[in-house]
Amino acid sequence: MSEKKKIKLACSLIQLNPEFNKKRFIELINVEEFTAMELKQRMHHTTLVIH
């Protein structure tokens, strides 16, 4: 996921929940292995970071 897409997702989540921590989300979503993960693994990781 590109940095631009991560920011766009974070901004969308802020619209749903104004208390959502955009900075923390972007910090946690950025792991070295993310680009090497399969789609299902990336979705699982993203879901865990959101919660």
PDB file of N, CA and C in Angstrom:
ATOM      1  N   MET A   1       0.857  -1.164   0.000  1.00  0.00           N
ATOM      2  CA  MET A   1       0.000   0.000   0.000  1.00  0.00           C
ATOM      3  C   MET A   1       0.907   1.233   0.000  1.00  0.00           C
ATOM      4  N   SER A   2       0.615   2.128  -0.902  1.00  0.00           N
ATOM      5  CA  SER A   2       1.431   3.339  -0.980  1.00  0.00           C
ATOM      6  C   SER A   2       1.137   4.252   0.209  1.00  0.00           C
ATOM      7  N   GLU A   3       2.062   5.145   0.460  1.00  0.00           N
ATOM      8  CA  GLU A   3       1.899   6.100   1.566  1.00  0.00           C
ATOM      9  C   GLU A   3       0.646   6.946   1.350  1.00  0.00           C
ATOM     10  N   LYS A   4       0.404   7.318   0.112  1.00  0.00           N
ATOM     11  CA  LYS A   4      -0.779   8.125  -0.220  1.00  0.00           C
ATOM     12  C   LYS A   4      -2.073   7.376   0.127  1.00  0.00           C
ATOM     13  N   LYS A   5      -2.102   6.087  -0.170  1.00  0.00           N
ATOM     14  CA  LYS A   5      -3.297   5.280   0.129  1.00  0.00           C
ATOM     15  C   LYS A   5      -3.483   5.105   1.630  1.00  0.00           C
ATOM     16  N   LYS A   6      -2.382   4.967   2.359  1.00  0.00           N
ATOM     17  CA  LYS A   6      -2.465   4.845   3.822  1.00  0.00           C
ATOM     18  C   LYS A   6      -3.053   6.109   4.431  1.00  0.00           C
ATOM     19  N   ILE A   7      -2.608   7.249   3.937  1.00  0.00           N
ATOM     20  CA  ILE A   7      -3.112   8.534   4.438  1.00  0.00           C
ATOM     21  C   ILE A   7      -4.583   8.700   4.068  1.00  0.00           C
ATOM     22  N   LYS A   8      -4.943   8.316   2.859  1.00  0.00           N
ATOM     23  CA  LYS A   8      -6.339   8.409   2.422  1.00  0.00           C
ATOM     24  C   LYS A   8      -7.239   7.531   3.293  1.00  0.00           C
ATOM     25  N   LEU A   9      -6.795   6.314   3.589  1.00  0.00           N
ATOM     26  CA  LEU A   9      -7.554   5.425   4.464  1.00  0.00           C
ATOM     27  C   LEU A   9      -7.688   6.029   5.854  1.00  0.00           C
ATOM     28  N   ALA A  10      -6.604   6.557   6.379  1.00  0.00           N
ATOM     29  CA  ALA A  10      -6.638   7.185   7.706  1.00  0.00           C
ATOM     30  C   ALA A  10      -7.609   8.355   7.727  1.00  0.00           C
ATOM     31  N   CYS A  11      -7.617   9.160   6.693  1.00  0.00           N
ATOM     32  CA  CYS A  11      -8.538  10.305   6.625  1.00  0.00           C
ATOM     33  C   CYS A  11      -9.987   9.831   6.549  1.00  0.00           C
ATOM     34  N   SER A  12     -10.229   8.749   5.838  1.00  0.00           N
ATOM     35  CA  SER A  12     -11.583   8.182   5.765  1.00  0.00           C
ATOM     36  C   SER A  12     -12.028   7.689   7.136  1.00  0.00           C
ATOM     37  N   LEU A  13     -11.107   7.082   7.870  1.00  0.00           N
ATOM     38  CA  LEU A  13     -11.439   6.579   9.204  1.00  0.00           C
ATOM     39  C   LEU A  13     -11.712   7.725  10.177  1.00  0.00           C
ATOM     40  N   ILE A  14     -11.029   8.837  10.000  1.00  0.00           N
ATOM     41  CA  ILE A  14     -11.267  10.014  10.846  1.00  0.00           C
ATOM     42  C   ILE A  14     -12.679  10.549  10.621  1.00  0.00           C
ATOM     43  N   GLN A  15     -13.158  10.466   9.384  1.00  0.00           N
ATOM     44  CA  GLN A  15     -14.519  10.919   9.091  1.00  0.00           C
ATOM     45  C   GLN A  15     -15.542  10.069   9.837  1.00  0.00           C
ATOM     46  N   LEU A  16     -15.252   8.794   9.991  1.00  0.00           N
ATOM     47  CA  LEU A  16     -16.149   7.897  10.715  1.00  0.00           C
ATOM     48  C   LEU A  16     -16.005   8.039  12.218  1.00  0.00           C
ATOM     49  N   ASN A  17     -14.778   8.296  12.659  1.00  0.00           N
ATOM     50  CA  ASN A  17     -14.494   8.431  14.085  1.00  0.00           C
ATOM     51  C   ASN A  17     -13.484   9.562  14.276  1.00  0.00           C
ATOM     52  N   PRO A  18     -13.959  10.758  14.615  1.00  0.00           N
ATOM     53  CA  PRO A  18     -13.058  11.909  14.760  1.00  0.00           C
ATOM     54  C   PRO A  18     -11.939  11.715  15.786  1.00  0.00           C
ATOM     55  N   GLU A  19     -12.097  10.767  16.687  1.00  0.00           N
ATOM     56  CA  GLU A  19     -11.066  10.502  17.691  1.00  0.00           C
ATOM     57  C   GLU A  19      -9.991   9.534  17.190  1.00  0.00           C
ATOM     58  N   PHE A  20     -10.156   9.043  15.961  1.00  0.00           N
ATOM     59  CA  PHE A  20      -9.193   8.114  15.388  1.00  0.00           C
ATOM     60  C   PHE A  20      -7.823   8.773  15.317  1.00  0.00           C
ATOM     61  N   ASN A  21      -6.789   8.043  15.741  1.00  0.00           N
ATOM     62  CA  ASN A  21      -5.427   8.576  15.784  1.00  0.00           C
ATOM     63  C   ASN A  21      -4.711   8.253  14.463  1.00  0.00           C
ATOM     64  N   LYS A  22      -4.747   9.214  13.548  1.00  0.00           N
ATOM     65  CA  LYS A  22      -4.158   9.056  12.218  1.00  0.00           C
ATOM     66  C   LYS A  22      -2.654   8.778  12.295  1.00  0.00           C
ATOM     67  N   LYS A  23      -1.952   9.546  13.101  1.00  0.00           N
ATOM     68  CA  LYS A  23      -0.500   9.394  13.211  1.00  0.00           C
ATOM     69  C   LYS A  23      -0.135   7.991  13.714  1.00  0.00           C
ATOM     70  N   ARG A  24      -0.823   7.545  14.741  1.00  0.00           N
ATOM     71  CA  ARG A  24      -0.557   6.208  15.314  1.00  0.00           C
ATOM     72  C   ARG A  24      -0.856   5.105  14.286  1.00  0.00           C
ATOM     73  N   PHE A  25      -1.969   5.261  13.544  1.00  0.00           N
ATOM     74  CA  PHE A  25      -2.334   4.297  12.509  1.00  0.00           C
ATOM     75  C   PHE A  25      -1.214   4.160  11.484  1.00  0.00           C
ATOM     76  N   ILE A  26      -0.723   5.295  10.992  1.00  0.00           N
ATOM     77  CA  ILE A  26       0.317   5.262   9.969  1.00  0.00           C
ATOM     78  C   ILE A  26       1.608   4.662  10.521  1.00  0.00           C
ATOM     79  N   GLU A  27       1.919   4.943  11.782  1.00  0.00           N
ATOM     80  CA  GLU A  27       3.108   4.338  12.408  1.00  0.00           C
ATOM     81  C   GLU A  27       2.975   2.821  12.486  1.00  0.00           C
ATOM     82  N   LEU A  28       1.805   2.339  12.902  1.00  0.00           N
ATOM     83  CA  LEU A  28       1.610   0.902  13.094  1.00  0.00           C
ATOM     84  C   LEU A  28       1.438   0.136  11.785  1.00  0.00           C
ATOM     85  N   ILE A  29       0.871   0.790  10.791  1.00  0.00           N
ATOM     86  CA  ILE A  29       0.639   0.100   9.513  1.00  0.00           C
ATOM     87  C   ILE A  29       1.945  -0.110   8.754  1.00  0.00           C
ATOM     88  N   ASN A  30       2.923   0.757   9.007  1.00  0.00           N
ATOM     89  CA  ASN A  30       4.215   0.690   8.315  1.00  0.00           C
ATOM     90  C   ASN A  30       5.129  -0.348   8.961  1.00  0.00           C
ATOM     91  N   VAL A  31       5.083  -1.539   8.442  1.00  0.00           N
ATOM     92  CA  VAL A  31       6.020  -2.589   8.850  1.00  0.00           C
ATOM     93  C   VAL A  31       6.791  -3.020   7.609  1.00  0.00           C
ATOM     94  N   GLU A  32       8.024  -3.406   7.791  1.00  0.00           N
ATOM     95  CA  GLU A  32       8.866  -3.786   6.651  1.00  0.00           C
ATOM     96  C   GLU A  32       8.256  -4.909   5.822  1.00  0.00           C
ATOM     97  N   GLU A  33       7.584  -5.828   6.467  1.00  0.00           N
ATOM     98  CA  GLU A  33       7.059  -7.005   5.783  1.00  0.00           C
ATOM     99  C   GLU A  33       5.778  -6.731   4.997  1.00  0.00           C
ATOM    100  N   PHE A  34       5.182  -5.552   5.152  1.00  0.00           N
ATOM    101  CA  PHE A  34       3.862  -5.278   4.575  1.00  0.00           C
ATOM    102  C   PHE A  34       3.826  -5.541   3.073  1.00  0.00           C
ATOM    103  N   THR A  35       4.799  -5.047   2.339  1.00  0.00           N
ATOM    104  CA  THR A  35       4.772  -5.214   0.882  1.00  0.00           C
ATOM    105  C   THR A  35       4.969  -6.668   0.465  1.00  0.00           C
ATOM    106  N   ALA A  36       5.603  -7.471   1.308  1.00  0.00           N
ATOM    107  CA  ALA A  36       5.828  -8.878   0.987  1.00  0.00           C
ATOM    108  C   ALA A  36       4.643  -9.759   1.374  1.00  0.00           C
ATOM    109  N   MET A  37       3.724  -9.214   2.153  1.00  0.00           N
ATOM    110  CA  MET A  37       2.570 -10.000   2.620  1.00  0.00           C
ATOM    111  C   MET A  37       1.593 -10.269   1.478  1.00  0.00           C
ATOM    112  N   GLU A  38       0.904 -11.385   1.587  1.00  0.00           N
ATOM    113  CA  GLU A  38      -0.202 -11.686   0.677  1.00  0.00           C
ATOM    114  C   GLU A  38      -1.358 -10.755   1.030  1.00  0.00           C
ATOM    115  N   LEU A  39      -2.304 -10.612   0.126  1.00  0.00           N
ATOM    116  CA  LEU A  39      -3.439  -9.712   0.336  1.00  0.00           C
ATOM    117  C   LEU A  39      -4.169 -10.016   1.645  1.00  0.00           C
ATOM    118  N   LYS A  40      -4.438 -11.279   1.895  1.00  0.00           N
ATOM    119  CA  LYS A  40      -5.160 -11.656   3.123  1.00  0.00           C
ATOM    120  C   LYS A  40      -4.362 -11.245   4.368  1.00  0.00           C
ATOM    121  N   GLN A  41      -3.058 -11.413   4.328  1.00  0.00           N
ATOM    122  CA  GLN A  41      -2.207 -11.025   5.452  1.00  0.00           C
ATOM    123  C   GLN A  41      -2.198  -9.509   5.644  1.00  0.00           C
ATOM    124  N   ARG A  42      -2.151  -8.767   4.526  1.00  0.00           N
ATOM    125  CA  ARG A  42      -2.173  -7.303   4.616  1.00  0.00           C
ATOM    126  C   ARG A  42      -3.492  -6.814   5.188  1.00  0.00           C
ATOM    127  N   MET A  43      -4.590  -7.427   4.765  1.00  0.00           N
ATOM    128  CA  MET A  43      -5.910  -7.043   5.275  1.00  0.00           C
ATOM    129  C   MET A  43      -6.022  -7.355   6.767  1.00  0.00           C
ATOM    130  N   HIS A  44      -5.493  -8.499   7.169  1.00  0.00           N
ATOM    131  CA  HIS A  44      -5.517  -8.877   8.586  1.00  0.00           C
ATOM    132  C   HIS A  44      -4.690  -7.880   9.415  1.00  0.00           C
ATOM    133  N   HIS A  45      -3.521  -7.553   8.931  1.00  0.00           N
ATOM    134  CA  HIS A  45      -2.659  -6.599   9.632  1.00  0.00           C
ATOM    135  C   HIS A  45      -3.350  -5.235   9.739  1.00  0.00           C
ATOM    136  N   THR A  46      -3.940  -4.784   8.645  1.00  0.00           N
ATOM    137  CA  THR A  46      -4.643  -3.498   8.638  1.00  0.00           C
ATOM    138  C   THR A  46      -5.801  -3.504   9.616  1.00  0.00           C
ATOM    139  N   THR A  47      -6.554  -4.587   9.653  1.00  0.00           N
ATOM    140  CA  THR A  47      -7.672  -4.707  10.594  1.00  0.00           C
ATOM    141  C   THR A  47      -7.191  -4.637  12.034  1.00  0.00           C
ATOM    142  N   LEU A  48      -6.096  -5.317  12.341  1.00  0.00           N
ATOM    143  CA  LEU A  48      -5.552  -5.278  13.705  1.00  0.00           C
ATOM    144  C   LEU A  48      -5.095  -3.872  14.080  1.00  0.00           C
ATOM    145  N   VAL A  49      -4.486  -3.176  13.129  1.00  0.00           N
ATOM    146  CA  VAL A  49      -4.007  -1.818  13.398  1.00  0.00           C
ATOM    147  C   VAL A  49      -5.183  -0.869  13.641  1.00  0.00           C
ATOM    148  N   ILE A  50      -6.258  -1.036  12.897  1.00  0.00           N
ATOM    149  CA  ILE A  50      -7.431  -0.169  13.059  1.00  0.00           C
ATOM    150  C   ILE A  50      -8.041  -0.357  14.451  1.00  0.00           C
ATOM    151  N   HIS A  51      -8.064  -1.592  14.917  1.00  0.00           N
ATOM    152  CA  HIS A  51      -8.674  -1.857  16.229  1.00  0.00           C
ATOM    153  C   HIS A  51      -7.642  -1.681  17.308  1.00  0.00           C
TER     154      HIS A  51
END
